[in-house]
Amino acid sequence: MNANVYLFTLDISYHVFLQHYAGAASTVVVRTDKGLTLQLPASRLRPYLTQRGLKGNFRLIIDGANRFKSLEQIA
C-alpha cells in the first residue's frame, strides 16, 4: 500500500494547547509545507508537548486509505 508523507511546522503555545486537554477542542488543523490543510486528533500531538508548547517541524505518514501510520518530530 502506498504511503503519503506530509511535513508541517507547529508553533502552538502551551496555554493554547491546554484547551485540548480541557476538551474544548479535540483536533488541530495544520497546513503542510505544500499548502494542504490537514486535521489531526490532538491526542497524536500530546507526546510532543513541552513547557514551551508544540514547536518544531513534524512528519506525518498515512497509508493509502488515509489511516494514520506515524508522526514524528524532525526538528
N, C-alpha and C. Protein backbone atom coordinates (compact mmCIF):
# COMPACT_ATOMS: atom_id res chain seq x y z
N MET A 1 0.83 -1.17 0.00
CA MET A 1 0.00 0.00 0.00
C MET A 1 0.88 1.25 0.00
N ASN A 2 0.48 2.24 -0.73
CA ASN A 2 1.24 3.48 -0.80
C ASN A 2 1.10 4.27 0.49
N ALA A 3 2.14 5.00 0.83
CA ALA A 3 2.10 5.88 1.99
C ALA A 3 2.24 7.31 1.52
N ASN A 4 1.57 8.22 2.19
CA ASN A 4 1.69 9.64 1.92
C ASN A 4 2.43 10.29 3.07
N VAL A 5 3.37 11.15 2.76
CA VAL A 5 4.18 11.83 3.76
C VAL A 5 3.87 13.32 3.69
N TYR A 6 3.59 13.90 4.85
CA TYR A 6 3.29 15.32 4.95
C TYR A 6 4.23 15.96 5.97
N LEU A 7 4.79 17.10 5.61
CA LEU A 7 5.66 17.86 6.50
C LEU A 7 4.95 19.14 6.90
N PHE A 8 5.04 19.50 8.18
CA PHE A 8 4.44 20.74 8.64
C PHE A 8 5.18 21.25 9.86
N THR A 9 4.98 22.53 10.13
CA THR A 9 5.61 23.20 11.27
C THR A 9 4.53 23.64 12.24
N LEU A 10 4.78 23.45 13.53
CA LEU A 10 3.86 23.91 14.56
C LEU A 10 4.53 24.91 15.47
N ASP A 11 3.75 25.87 15.91
CA ASP A 11 4.19 26.83 16.91
C ASP A 11 2.95 27.20 17.73
N ILE A 12 2.59 26.33 18.65
CA ILE A 12 1.40 26.49 19.49
C ILE A 12 1.87 26.61 20.93
N SER A 13 1.44 27.65 21.60
CA SER A 13 1.87 27.85 22.98
C SER A 13 1.28 26.76 23.88
N TYR A 14 1.94 26.57 24.99
CA TYR A 14 1.48 25.59 25.98
C TYR A 14 0.06 25.91 26.43
N HIS A 15 -0.21 27.18 26.70
CA HIS A 15 -1.52 27.58 27.22
C HIS A 15 -2.62 27.37 26.19
N VAL A 16 -2.33 27.61 24.94
CA VAL A 16 -3.33 27.37 23.89
C VAL A 16 -3.61 25.88 23.76
N PHE A 17 -2.55 25.06 23.81
CA PHE A 17 -2.76 23.63 23.66
C PHE A 17 -3.49 23.03 24.86
N LEU A 18 -3.44 23.68 26.01
CA LEU A 18 -4.16 23.20 27.19
C LEU A 18 -5.66 23.11 26.93
N GLN A 19 -6.18 23.89 26.01
CA GLN A 19 -7.60 23.81 25.65
C GLN A 19 -7.95 22.41 25.16
N HIS A 20 -7.00 21.77 24.51
CA HIS A 20 -7.24 20.42 24.02
C HIS A 20 -7.34 19.43 25.18
N TYR A 21 -6.52 19.63 26.20
CA TYR A 21 -6.60 18.78 27.39
C TYR A 21 -7.92 18.99 28.11
N ALA A 22 -8.41 20.22 28.09
CA ALA A 22 -9.66 20.54 28.78
C ALA A 22 -10.88 20.08 27.98
N GLY A 23 -10.66 19.63 26.76
CA GLY A 23 -11.77 19.14 25.94
C GLY A 23 -12.43 20.20 25.08
N ALA A 24 -11.91 21.43 25.09
CA ALA A 24 -12.51 22.50 24.29
C ALA A 24 -12.33 22.23 22.79
N ALA A 25 -11.29 21.52 22.43
CA ALA A 25 -11.04 21.18 21.03
C ALA A 25 -10.37 19.82 20.99
N SER A 26 -10.82 18.98 20.10
CA SER A 26 -10.25 17.63 20.02
C SER A 26 -9.33 17.45 18.83
N THR A 27 -9.29 18.45 17.94
CA THR A 27 -8.44 18.34 16.75
C THR A 27 -7.58 19.59 16.59
N VAL A 28 -6.52 19.42 15.84
CA VAL A 28 -5.63 20.52 15.48
C VAL A 28 -5.57 20.56 13.96
N VAL A 29 -5.75 21.74 13.39
CA VAL A 29 -5.67 21.92 11.95
C VAL A 29 -4.30 22.48 11.62
N VAL A 30 -3.61 21.82 10.69
CA VAL A 30 -2.27 22.26 10.29
C VAL A 30 -2.24 22.47 8.78
N ARG A 31 -1.31 23.30 8.35
CA ARG A 31 -1.08 23.49 6.92
C ARG A 31 0.29 22.91 6.60
N THR A 32 0.33 22.00 5.64
CA THR A 32 1.58 21.36 5.28
C THR A 32 2.48 22.34 4.52
N ASP A 33 3.73 21.93 4.36
CA ASP A 33 4.69 22.75 3.62
C ASP A 33 4.26 22.96 2.18
N LYS A 34 3.39 22.10 1.66
CA LYS A 34 2.92 22.23 0.28
C LYS A 34 1.56 22.92 0.20
N GLY A 35 1.06 23.43 1.36
CA GLY A 35 -0.18 24.20 1.36
C GLY A 35 -1.45 23.41 1.60
N LEU A 36 -1.35 22.12 1.82
CA LEU A 36 -2.52 21.28 2.09
C LEU A 36 -2.94 21.44 3.54
N THR A 37 -4.23 21.52 3.81
CA THR A 37 -4.74 21.63 5.17
C THR A 37 -5.12 20.25 5.67
N LEU A 38 -4.61 19.89 6.84
CA LEU A 38 -4.90 18.59 7.46
C LEU A 38 -5.48 18.80 8.85
N GLN A 39 -6.34 17.90 9.26
CA GLN A 39 -6.91 17.93 10.60
C GLN A 39 -6.44 16.68 11.33
N LEU A 40 -5.78 16.89 12.48
CA LEU A 40 -5.22 15.79 13.26
C LEU A 40 -5.89 15.72 14.62
N PRO A 41 -6.07 14.52 15.16
CA PRO A 41 -6.53 14.42 16.55
C PRO A 41 -5.46 15.02 17.46
N ALA A 42 -5.88 15.85 18.38
CA ALA A 42 -4.92 16.49 19.30
C ALA A 42 -4.15 15.46 20.10
N SER A 43 -4.74 14.33 20.35
CA SER A 43 -4.07 13.28 21.13
C SER A 43 -2.79 12.79 20.46
N ARG A 44 -2.70 12.89 19.14
CA ARG A 44 -1.48 12.47 18.43
C ARG A 44 -0.31 13.41 18.70
N LEU A 45 -0.60 14.63 19.10
CA LEU A 45 0.44 15.63 19.33
C LEU A 45 0.88 15.71 20.79
N ARG A 46 0.14 15.14 21.69
CA ARG A 46 0.46 15.24 23.12
C ARG A 46 1.87 14.78 23.48
N PRO A 47 2.40 13.73 22.87
CA PRO A 47 3.76 13.31 23.24
C PRO A 47 4.83 14.37 22.97
N TYR A 48 4.52 15.35 22.14
CA TYR A 48 5.50 16.37 21.75
C TYR A 48 5.32 17.69 22.50
N LEU A 49 4.36 17.73 23.42
CA LEU A 49 4.09 18.95 24.18
C LEU A 49 5.14 19.14 25.25
N THR A 50 5.72 20.33 25.29
CA THR A 50 6.69 20.69 26.33
C THR A 50 6.17 21.94 27.03
N GLN A 51 6.93 22.43 27.98
CA GLN A 51 6.54 23.66 28.67
C GLN A 51 6.52 24.86 27.73
N ARG A 52 7.23 24.76 26.63
CA ARG A 52 7.22 25.82 25.61
C ARG A 52 6.04 25.68 24.67
N GLY A 53 5.37 24.57 24.70
CA GLY A 53 4.24 24.31 23.81
C GLY A 53 4.60 23.27 22.77
N LEU A 54 3.97 23.37 21.63
CA LEU A 54 4.27 22.49 20.49
C LEU A 54 5.02 23.32 19.47
N LYS A 55 6.29 23.10 19.36
CA LYS A 55 7.11 23.89 18.45
C LYS A 55 8.06 22.96 17.70
N GLY A 56 8.11 23.13 16.40
CA GLY A 56 9.04 22.36 15.61
C GLY A 56 8.46 21.89 14.30
N ASN A 57 9.25 21.08 13.61
CA ASN A 57 8.86 20.51 12.32
C ASN A 57 8.48 19.05 12.55
N PHE A 58 7.44 18.63 11.84
CA PHE A 58 6.89 17.29 12.03
C PHE A 58 6.71 16.59 10.69
N ARG A 59 6.74 15.26 10.74
CA ARG A 59 6.49 14.43 9.57
C ARG A 59 5.33 13.49 9.92
N LEU A 60 4.27 13.57 9.14
CA LEU A 60 3.10 12.71 9.29
C LEU A 60 3.08 11.73 8.14
N ILE A 61 2.90 10.46 8.45
CA ILE A 61 2.79 9.43 7.41
C ILE A 61 1.43 8.76 7.56
N ILE A 62 0.69 8.71 6.45
CA ILE A 62 -0.58 8.00 6.43
C ILE A 62 -0.54 6.98 5.29
N ASP A 63 -1.34 5.94 5.41
CA ASP A 63 -1.34 4.92 4.37
C ASP A 63 -2.26 5.34 3.22
N GLY A 64 -2.35 4.49 2.22
CA GLY A 64 -3.15 4.79 1.04
C GLY A 64 -4.63 4.94 1.31
N ALA A 65 -5.10 4.42 2.44
CA ALA A 65 -6.51 4.54 2.83
C ALA A 65 -6.71 5.71 3.81
N ASN A 66 -5.72 6.57 3.91
CA ASN A 66 -5.74 7.74 4.80
C ASN A 66 -5.82 7.38 6.27
N ARG A 67 -5.24 6.26 6.64
CA ARG A 67 -5.15 5.87 8.05
C ARG A 67 -3.79 6.25 8.59
N PHE A 68 -3.78 6.72 9.81
CA PHE A 68 -2.56 7.14 10.48
C PHE A 68 -1.56 5.99 10.56
N LYS A 69 -0.31 6.30 10.20
CA LYS A 69 0.78 5.33 10.37
C LYS A 69 1.76 5.83 11.42
N SER A 70 2.25 7.08 11.28
CA SER A 70 3.20 7.60 12.26
C SER A 70 3.27 9.11 12.21
N LEU A 71 3.74 9.66 13.31
CA LEU A 71 4.00 11.09 13.42
C LEU A 71 5.30 11.23 14.20
N GLU A 72 6.21 12.02 13.68
CA GLU A 72 7.46 12.23 14.39
C GLU A 72 7.90 13.68 14.26
N GLN A 73 8.56 14.15 15.31
CA GLN A 73 9.14 15.48 15.28
C GLN A 73 10.52 15.35 14.66
N ILE A 74 10.79 16.14 13.63
CA ILE A 74 12.05 16.00 12.91
C ILE A 74 13.00 17.16 13.17
N ALA A 75 12.55 18.20 13.82
CA ALA A 75 13.45 19.31 14.20
C ALA A 75 12.75 20.21 15.18
